[in-house]
Amino acid sequence: MQYLHTMVRVSDLDASLHFYCDLLGLKEVRRKENENGRFTLVFLAAPEDEARSAELKAPELELTYNWDPEEYGGGRNFGHLAYRVDDIYALCERLQEAGVAINRPPRDGHMAFVRSPDGISIELLQKGDPLAAKEPWASMPNTGSW
């Protein structure tokens, strides 16, 4: 058995690509348009997985965009996606500056949670040992749900 991908339905492909690629740093590795089914699939990989993804040997995130509008609720029912990051503070700062709410700040220098434009919970985990506690994160309260 081999883990292939996680599929997330998105309501605004451009907003989702901005969030996952421009802000989180994932890379688009391939795209499939299906006119008969009226949907687009966009496969994303973490930068460290991009080469292995090309050989279908790394897990990917599949964004499914249905061309006909649908309401998606219950992103929390999905659970969450998790990514290991090089510098959790730098990434959270970049996300916050771009208007993304840090629902669970990285107070411990190890873990944070944010949400995608479609309400999917994203867990960010510091690579290696936790970073030393630092402000404003150390005293920042949780917001919303994560």
N, C-alpha and C. Protein backbone atom coordinates (compact mmCIF):
# COMPACT_ATOMS: atom_id res chain seq x y z
N MET A 1 0.84 -1.17 0.00
CA MET A 1 0.00 0.00 0.00
C MET A 1 0.89 1.24 0.00
N GLN A 2 0.46 2.26 -0.70
CA GLN A 2 1.20 3.52 -0.78
C GLN A 2 0.23 4.67 -0.65
N TYR A 3 0.52 5.60 0.26
CA TYR A 3 -0.30 6.80 0.40
C TYR A 3 -0.07 7.68 -0.81
N LEU A 4 -1.15 8.12 -1.46
CA LEU A 4 -1.02 8.92 -2.67
C LEU A 4 -1.31 10.39 -2.46
N HIS A 5 -2.51 10.72 -2.00
CA HIS A 5 -2.85 12.13 -1.86
C HIS A 5 -4.04 12.32 -0.94
N THR A 6 -4.25 13.55 -0.56
CA THR A 6 -5.44 13.98 0.17
C THR A 6 -6.21 14.92 -0.74
N MET A 7 -7.51 14.71 -0.88
CA MET A 7 -8.32 15.56 -1.74
C MET A 7 -9.13 16.52 -0.89
N VAL A 8 -9.11 17.79 -1.28
CA VAL A 8 -9.89 18.83 -0.63
C VAL A 8 -10.67 19.56 -1.72
N ARG A 9 -11.98 19.66 -1.53
CA ARG A 9 -12.80 20.43 -2.48
C ARG A 9 -12.65 21.91 -2.16
N VAL A 10 -12.47 22.72 -3.20
CA VAL A 10 -12.31 24.16 -3.00
C VAL A 10 -13.36 24.91 -3.81
N SER A 11 -13.79 26.04 -3.28
CA SER A 11 -14.83 26.82 -3.96
C SER A 11 -14.26 27.93 -4.83
N ASP A 12 -13.03 28.36 -4.56
CA ASP A 12 -12.38 29.41 -5.34
C ASP A 12 -10.95 28.95 -5.60
N LEU A 13 -10.70 28.44 -6.80
CA LEU A 13 -9.39 27.86 -7.12
C LEU A 13 -8.27 28.88 -6.99
N ASP A 14 -8.49 30.10 -7.46
CA ASP A 14 -7.44 31.12 -7.38
C ASP A 14 -7.10 31.46 -5.93
N ALA A 15 -8.11 31.63 -5.09
CA ALA A 15 -7.86 31.94 -3.68
C ALA A 15 -7.15 30.77 -3.00
N SER A 16 -7.53 29.55 -3.34
CA SER A 16 -6.90 28.38 -2.74
C SER A 16 -5.45 28.24 -3.19
N LEU A 17 -5.18 28.46 -4.47
CA LEU A 17 -3.79 28.38 -4.96
C LEU A 17 -2.94 29.48 -4.32
N HIS A 18 -3.51 30.66 -4.14
CA HIS A 18 -2.78 31.73 -3.47
C HIS A 18 -2.41 31.29 -2.06
N PHE A 19 -3.37 30.73 -1.33
CA PHE A 19 -3.12 30.29 0.04
C PHE A 19 -2.09 29.17 0.08
N TYR A 20 -2.34 28.08 -0.65
CA TYR A 20 -1.47 26.90 -0.56
C TYR A 20 -0.10 27.12 -1.20
N CYS A 21 -0.05 27.84 -2.32
CA CYS A 21 1.23 28.02 -3.03
C CYS A 21 1.96 29.29 -2.60
N ASP A 22 1.31 30.44 -2.76
CA ASP A 22 1.99 31.71 -2.47
C ASP A 22 2.27 31.89 -0.99
N LEU A 23 1.34 31.49 -0.13
CA LEU A 23 1.51 31.73 1.30
C LEU A 23 2.15 30.56 2.02
N LEU A 24 1.66 29.33 1.80
CA LEU A 24 2.25 28.17 2.49
C LEU A 24 3.51 27.67 1.80
N GLY A 25 3.64 27.90 0.50
CA GLY A 25 4.86 27.51 -0.20
C GLY A 25 4.80 26.18 -0.94
N LEU A 26 3.60 25.59 -1.09
CA LEU A 26 3.50 24.35 -1.87
C LEU A 26 3.70 24.67 -3.34
N LYS A 27 3.99 23.63 -4.12
CA LYS A 27 4.24 23.79 -5.55
C LYS A 27 3.21 23.01 -6.35
N GLU A 28 2.67 23.64 -7.40
CA GLU A 28 1.78 22.91 -8.29
C GLU A 28 2.62 21.97 -9.14
N VAL A 29 2.28 20.67 -9.12
CA VAL A 29 3.06 19.69 -9.86
C VAL A 29 2.34 19.17 -11.10
N ARG A 30 1.01 19.24 -11.10
CA ARG A 30 0.26 18.91 -12.31
C ARG A 30 -1.19 19.34 -12.15
N ARG A 31 -1.86 19.41 -13.31
CA ARG A 31 -3.25 19.89 -13.35
C ARG A 31 -3.99 19.08 -14.39
N LYS A 32 -5.24 18.75 -14.07
CA LYS A 32 -6.09 18.01 -15.01
C LYS A 32 -7.42 18.73 -15.11
N GLU A 33 -7.83 19.03 -16.34
CA GLU A 33 -9.13 19.63 -16.60
C GLU A 33 -10.03 18.53 -17.16
N ASN A 34 -11.24 18.42 -16.65
CA ASN A 34 -12.19 17.42 -17.14
C ASN A 34 -13.47 18.14 -17.55
N GLU A 35 -13.58 18.39 -18.87
CA GLU A 35 -14.74 19.14 -19.36
C GLU A 35 -16.04 18.36 -19.19
N ASN A 36 -16.01 17.04 -19.42
CA ASN A 36 -17.24 16.25 -19.26
C ASN A 36 -17.71 16.25 -17.81
N GLY A 37 -16.80 16.11 -16.88
CA GLY A 37 -17.16 16.10 -15.47
C GLY A 37 -17.28 17.49 -14.87
N ARG A 38 -16.83 18.50 -15.64
CA ARG A 38 -16.88 19.91 -15.23
C ARG A 38 -16.11 20.15 -13.92
N PHE A 39 -14.85 19.71 -13.90
CA PHE A 39 -14.02 19.96 -12.73
C PHE A 39 -12.56 20.08 -13.14
N THR A 40 -11.78 20.67 -12.25
CA THR A 40 -10.34 20.79 -12.41
C THR A 40 -9.68 20.17 -11.18
N LEU A 41 -8.65 19.39 -11.41
CA LEU A 41 -7.83 18.83 -10.33
C LEU A 41 -6.47 19.48 -10.39
N VAL A 42 -6.00 19.99 -9.26
CA VAL A 42 -4.66 20.57 -9.18
C VAL A 42 -3.93 19.83 -8.07
N PHE A 43 -2.78 19.25 -8.41
CA PHE A 43 -2.00 18.50 -7.45
C PHE A 43 -0.83 19.35 -6.97
N LEU A 44 -0.68 19.42 -5.64
CA LEU A 44 0.36 20.23 -5.02
C LEU A 44 1.28 19.33 -4.20
N ALA A 45 2.54 19.74 -4.11
CA ALA A 45 3.51 19.01 -3.29
C ALA A 45 4.31 20.02 -2.48
N ALA A 46 4.76 19.57 -1.34
CA ALA A 46 5.67 20.39 -0.53
C ALA A 46 6.99 20.51 -1.30
N PRO A 47 7.70 21.64 -1.16
CA PRO A 47 8.94 21.83 -1.91
C PRO A 47 9.93 20.66 -1.77
N GLU A 48 10.06 20.11 -0.59
CA GLU A 48 11.00 19.00 -0.39
C GLU A 48 10.51 17.70 -1.02
N ASP A 49 9.24 17.65 -1.41
CA ASP A 49 8.67 16.45 -2.03
C ASP A 49 8.48 16.59 -3.53
N GLU A 50 8.79 17.76 -4.08
CA GLU A 50 8.47 18.04 -5.48
C GLU A 50 9.09 17.04 -6.45
N ALA A 51 10.35 16.70 -6.30
CA ALA A 51 11.01 15.77 -7.21
C ALA A 51 10.40 14.37 -7.08
N ARG A 52 10.18 13.92 -5.86
CA ARG A 52 9.58 12.60 -5.67
C ARG A 52 8.14 12.58 -6.16
N SER A 53 7.46 13.70 -6.08
CA SER A 53 6.09 13.80 -6.54
C SER A 53 6.01 13.58 -8.04
N ALA A 54 6.99 14.08 -8.78
CA ALA A 54 7.01 13.91 -10.23
C ALA A 54 7.04 12.43 -10.61
N GLU A 55 7.60 11.62 -9.73
CA GLU A 55 7.65 10.17 -9.96
C GLU A 55 6.50 9.45 -9.26
N LEU A 56 5.53 10.22 -8.73
CA LEU A 56 4.39 9.68 -7.99
C LEU A 56 4.83 8.88 -6.77
N LYS A 57 5.90 9.36 -6.12
CA LYS A 57 6.43 8.68 -4.94
C LYS A 57 6.34 9.53 -3.68
N ALA A 58 5.60 10.62 -3.73
CA ALA A 58 5.44 11.47 -2.55
C ALA A 58 3.97 11.82 -2.41
N PRO A 59 3.49 11.95 -1.18
CA PRO A 59 2.09 12.35 -1.00
C PRO A 59 1.85 13.75 -1.54
N GLU A 60 0.66 13.96 -2.05
CA GLU A 60 0.30 15.26 -2.62
C GLU A 60 -1.03 15.71 -2.03
N LEU A 61 -1.29 16.98 -2.23
CA LEU A 61 -2.59 17.56 -1.92
C LEU A 61 -3.31 17.78 -3.24
N GLU A 62 -4.48 17.20 -3.39
CA GLU A 62 -5.29 17.37 -4.59
C GLU A 62 -6.39 18.37 -4.29
N LEU A 63 -6.36 19.51 -4.99
CA LEU A 63 -7.44 20.48 -4.90
C LEU A 63 -8.43 20.15 -6.00
N THR A 64 -9.68 19.92 -5.63
CA THR A 64 -10.73 19.61 -6.60
C THR A 64 -11.64 20.83 -6.69
N TYR A 65 -11.69 21.40 -7.89
CA TYR A 65 -12.53 22.57 -8.13
C TYR A 65 -13.65 22.17 -9.08
N ASN A 66 -14.89 22.15 -8.58
CA ASN A 66 -16.05 21.87 -9.42
C ASN A 66 -16.49 23.17 -10.07
N TRP A 67 -16.66 23.13 -11.39
CA TRP A 67 -16.96 24.35 -12.12
C TRP A 67 -18.34 24.91 -11.79
N ASP A 68 -19.26 24.05 -11.43
CA ASP A 68 -20.59 24.51 -11.05
C ASP A 68 -20.57 24.82 -9.55
N PRO A 69 -21.03 26.01 -9.17
CA PRO A 69 -20.92 26.42 -7.75
C PRO A 69 -21.60 25.44 -6.80
N GLU A 70 -20.92 25.19 -5.69
CA GLU A 70 -21.45 24.35 -4.61
C GLU A 70 -21.06 25.00 -3.30
N GLU A 71 -21.87 24.78 -2.27
CA GLU A 71 -21.53 25.25 -0.93
C GLU A 71 -20.84 24.10 -0.19
N TYR A 72 -19.66 24.36 0.37
CA TYR A 72 -18.95 23.35 1.13
C TYR A 72 -18.92 23.79 2.58
N GLY A 73 -19.43 22.98 3.43
CA GLY A 73 -19.41 23.26 4.86
C GLY A 73 -18.72 22.14 5.59
N GLY A 74 -18.47 22.36 6.85
CA GLY A 74 -17.93 21.29 7.67
C GLY A 74 -16.48 20.98 7.42
N GLY A 75 -15.67 21.98 7.06
CA GLY A 75 -14.24 21.73 6.88
C GLY A 75 -13.62 21.07 8.09
N ARG A 76 -14.16 21.36 9.25
CA ARG A 76 -13.64 20.75 10.47
C ARG A 76 -13.88 19.24 10.47
N ASN A 77 -14.95 18.78 9.81
CA ASN A 77 -15.22 17.35 9.74
C ASN A 77 -14.12 16.60 9.01
N PHE A 78 -13.43 17.28 8.14
CA PHE A 78 -12.33 16.67 7.39
C PHE A 78 -11.19 16.29 8.32
N GLY A 79 -10.93 17.06 9.33
CA GLY A 79 -9.76 16.88 10.18
C GLY A 79 -8.77 17.99 9.85
N HIS A 80 -7.57 17.63 9.47
CA HIS A 80 -6.61 18.66 9.09
C HIS A 80 -5.51 18.09 8.23
N LEU A 81 -4.83 18.99 7.54
CA LEU A 81 -3.59 18.68 6.82
C LEU A 81 -2.45 19.10 7.73
N ALA A 82 -1.32 18.43 7.64
CA ALA A 82 -0.17 18.79 8.47
C ALA A 82 1.07 18.91 7.60
N TYR A 83 1.85 19.96 7.87
CA TYR A 83 3.10 20.20 7.14
C TYR A 83 4.21 20.53 8.12
N ARG A 84 5.38 19.94 7.91
CA ARG A 84 6.58 20.28 8.67
C ARG A 84 7.20 21.49 7.99
N VAL A 85 7.59 22.50 8.79
CA VAL A 85 8.11 23.74 8.23
C VAL A 85 9.48 24.07 8.82
N ASP A 86 10.28 24.82 8.06
CA ASP A 86 11.63 25.18 8.50
C ASP A 86 11.63 26.19 9.64
N ASP A 87 10.74 27.18 9.59
CA ASP A 87 10.70 28.23 10.62
C ASP A 87 9.25 28.61 10.85
N ILE A 88 8.66 28.05 11.89
CA ILE A 88 7.23 28.25 12.15
C ILE A 88 6.90 29.71 12.42
N TYR A 89 7.80 30.43 13.07
CA TYR A 89 7.55 31.84 13.35
C TYR A 89 7.53 32.66 12.07
N ALA A 90 8.48 32.44 11.19
CA ALA A 90 8.55 33.19 9.94
C ALA A 90 7.32 32.91 9.07
N LEU A 91 6.92 31.65 9.00
CA LEU A 91 5.75 31.31 8.19
C LEU A 91 4.48 31.92 8.78
N CYS A 92 4.30 31.82 10.08
CA CYS A 92 3.11 32.40 10.71
C CYS A 92 3.08 33.91 10.52
N GLU A 93 4.23 34.56 10.60
CA GLU A 93 4.29 36.00 10.38
C GLU A 93 3.88 36.33 8.95
N ARG A 94 4.39 35.58 7.97
CA ARG A 94 4.05 35.82 6.57
C ARG A 94 2.55 35.60 6.34
N LEU A 95 1.99 34.54 6.92
CA LEU A 95 0.57 34.27 6.78
C LEU A 95 -0.26 35.39 7.40
N GLN A 96 0.12 35.80 8.61
CA GLN A 96 -0.63 36.85 9.32
C GLN A 96 -0.58 38.17 8.53
N GLU A 97 0.58 38.52 7.99
CA GLU A 97 0.70 39.75 7.20
C GLU A 97 -0.17 39.71 5.96
N ALA A 98 -0.47 38.49 5.48
CA ALA A 98 -1.32 38.33 4.30
C ALA A 98 -2.80 38.23 4.67
N GLY A 99 -3.12 38.42 5.97
CA GLY A 99 -4.50 38.43 6.40
C GLY A 99 -5.04 37.09 6.86
N VAL A 100 -4.18 36.09 7.00
CA VAL A 100 -4.61 34.78 7.48
C VAL A 100 -4.61 34.79 9.01
N ALA A 101 -5.72 34.37 9.61
CA ALA A 101 -5.80 34.29 11.07
C ALA A 101 -4.98 33.10 11.56
N ILE A 102 -4.19 33.34 12.58
CA ILE A 102 -3.44 32.25 13.22
C ILE A 102 -4.33 31.74 14.36
N ASN A 103 -5.09 30.69 14.07
CA ASN A 103 -6.09 30.21 15.03
C ASN A 103 -5.46 29.64 16.30
N ARG A 104 -4.38 28.93 16.15
CA ARG A 104 -3.62 28.42 17.30
C ARG A 104 -2.19 28.87 17.08
N PRO A 105 -1.77 29.94 17.75
CA PRO A 105 -0.42 30.47 17.54
C PRO A 105 0.66 29.48 18.01
N PRO A 106 1.86 29.62 17.48
CA PRO A 106 2.96 28.72 17.86
C PRO A 106 3.61 29.12 19.18
N ARG A 107 2.81 29.17 20.23
CA ARG A 107 3.32 29.60 21.54
C ARG A 107 4.48 28.72 22.01
N ASP A 108 4.43 27.45 21.66
CA ASP A 108 5.45 26.50 22.11
C ASP A 108 6.62 26.40 21.14
N GLY A 109 6.61 27.20 20.06
CA GLY A 109 7.67 27.14 19.06
C GLY A 109 7.63 25.87 18.25
N HIS A 110 6.53 25.14 18.35
CA HIS A 110 6.45 23.84 17.69
C HIS A 110 5.23 23.67 16.79
N MET A 111 4.06 24.14 17.22
CA MET A 111 2.83 23.84 16.50
C MET A 111 1.94 25.07 16.38
N ALA A 112 1.32 25.20 15.20
CA ALA A 112 0.33 26.25 14.96
C ALA A 112 -0.76 25.68 14.07
N PHE A 113 -1.93 26.33 14.09
CA PHE A 113 -3.02 25.96 13.19
C PHE A 113 -3.55 27.22 12.51
N VAL A 114 -3.84 27.08 11.21
CA VAL A 114 -4.50 28.12 10.42
C VAL A 114 -5.60 27.42 9.62
N ARG A 115 -6.38 28.21 8.90
CA ARG A 115 -7.42 27.63 8.03
C ARG A 115 -7.26 28.15 6.62
N SER A 116 -7.57 27.29 5.66
CA SER A 116 -7.55 27.67 4.25
C SER A 116 -8.77 28.53 3.95
N PRO A 117 -8.86 29.11 2.74
CA PRO A 117 -10.04 29.89 2.39
C PRO A 117 -11.34 29.07 2.46
N ASP A 118 -11.26 27.75 2.37
CA ASP A 118 -12.44 26.90 2.45
C ASP A 118 -12.65 26.30 3.83
N GLY A 119 -11.91 26.78 4.83
CA GLY A 119 -12.12 26.33 6.20
C GLY A 119 -11.41 25.04 6.57
N ILE A 120 -10.49 24.58 5.73
CA ILE A 120 -9.74 23.37 6.05
C ILE A 120 -8.67 23.74 7.07
N SER A 121 -8.61 22.97 8.14
CA SER A 121 -7.63 23.22 9.20
C SER A 121 -6.26 22.71 8.76
N ILE A 122 -5.25 23.57 8.90
CA ILE A 122 -3.88 23.25 8.51
C ILE A 122 -3.00 23.30 9.76
N GLU A 123 -2.35 22.19 10.08
CA GLU A 123 -1.42 22.14 11.20
C GLU A 123 -0.01 22.37 10.67
N LEU A 124 0.70 23.29 11.31
CA LEU A 124 2.08 23.59 10.95
C LEU A 124 2.96 23.11 12.10
N LEU A 125 3.96 22.29 11.79
CA LEU A 125 4.85 21.73 12.81
C LEU A 125 6.29 22.13 12.52
N GLN A 126 6.97 22.64 13.52
CA GLN A 126 8.36 23.06 13.38
C GLN A 126 9.25 21.84 13.12
N LYS A 127 10.11 21.93 12.10
CA LYS A 127 11.07 20.87 11.82
C LYS A 127 12.09 20.81 12.96
N GLY A 128 12.41 19.61 13.39
CA GLY A 128 13.42 19.45 14.45
C GLY A 128 12.86 19.85 15.80
N ASP A 129 13.73 20.37 16.64
CA ASP A 129 13.33 20.78 17.98
C ASP A 129 12.49 22.05 17.93
N PRO A 130 11.60 22.23 18.92
CA PRO A 130 10.83 23.48 18.97
C PRO A 130 11.75 24.69 19.08
N LEU A 131 11.31 25.80 18.50
CA LEU A 131 12.05 27.06 18.63
C LEU A 131 11.79 27.64 20.01
N ALA A 132 12.69 28.46 20.49
CA ALA A 132 12.50 29.13 21.78
C ALA A 132 11.27 30.02 21.71
N ALA A 133 10.51 30.04 22.81
CA ALA A 133 9.30 30.89 22.86
C ALA A 133 9.67 32.33 22.57
N LYS A 134 8.80 33.00 21.81
CA LYS A 134 9.07 34.40 21.48
C LYS A 134 7.75 35.11 21.22
N GLU A 135 7.76 36.40 21.48
CA GLU A 135 6.59 37.24 21.26
C GLU A 135 6.53 37.65 19.79
N PRO A 136 5.35 37.91 19.25
CA PRO A 136 4.08 38.01 19.96
C PRO A 136 3.40 36.66 20.18
N TRP A 137 4.01 35.60 19.69
CA TRP A 137 3.38 34.28 19.68
C TRP A 137 3.18 33.71 21.09
N ALA A 138 4.15 33.91 21.97
CA ALA A 138 4.10 33.28 23.30
C ALA A 138 2.86 33.65 24.10
N SER A 139 2.37 34.86 23.92
CA SER A 139 1.21 35.31 24.71
C SER A 139 -0.05 35.48 23.88
N MET A 140 -0.01 35.10 22.62
CA MET A 140 -1.17 35.27 21.74
C MET A 140 -2.22 34.21 22.03
N PRO A 141 -3.48 34.61 22.21
CA PRO A 141 -4.55 33.64 22.49
C PRO A 141 -4.99 32.92 21.21
N ASN A 142 -5.67 31.81 21.39
CA ASN A 142 -6.31 31.11 20.26
C ASN A 142 -7.46 31.97 19.75
N THR A 143 -7.77 31.83 18.45
CA THR A 143 -8.93 32.51 17.88
C THR A 143 -9.69 31.50 17.03
N GLY A 144 -11.01 31.61 17.06
CA GLY A 144 -11.82 30.71 16.24
C GLY A 144 -11.62 29.26 16.62
N SER A 145 -11.90 28.38 15.68
CA SER A 145 -11.70 26.96 15.93
C SER A 145 -10.60 26.46 15.01
N TRP A 146 -9.97 25.40 15.44
CA TRP A 146 -8.89 24.83 14.65
C TRP A 146 -8.90 23.34 14.78
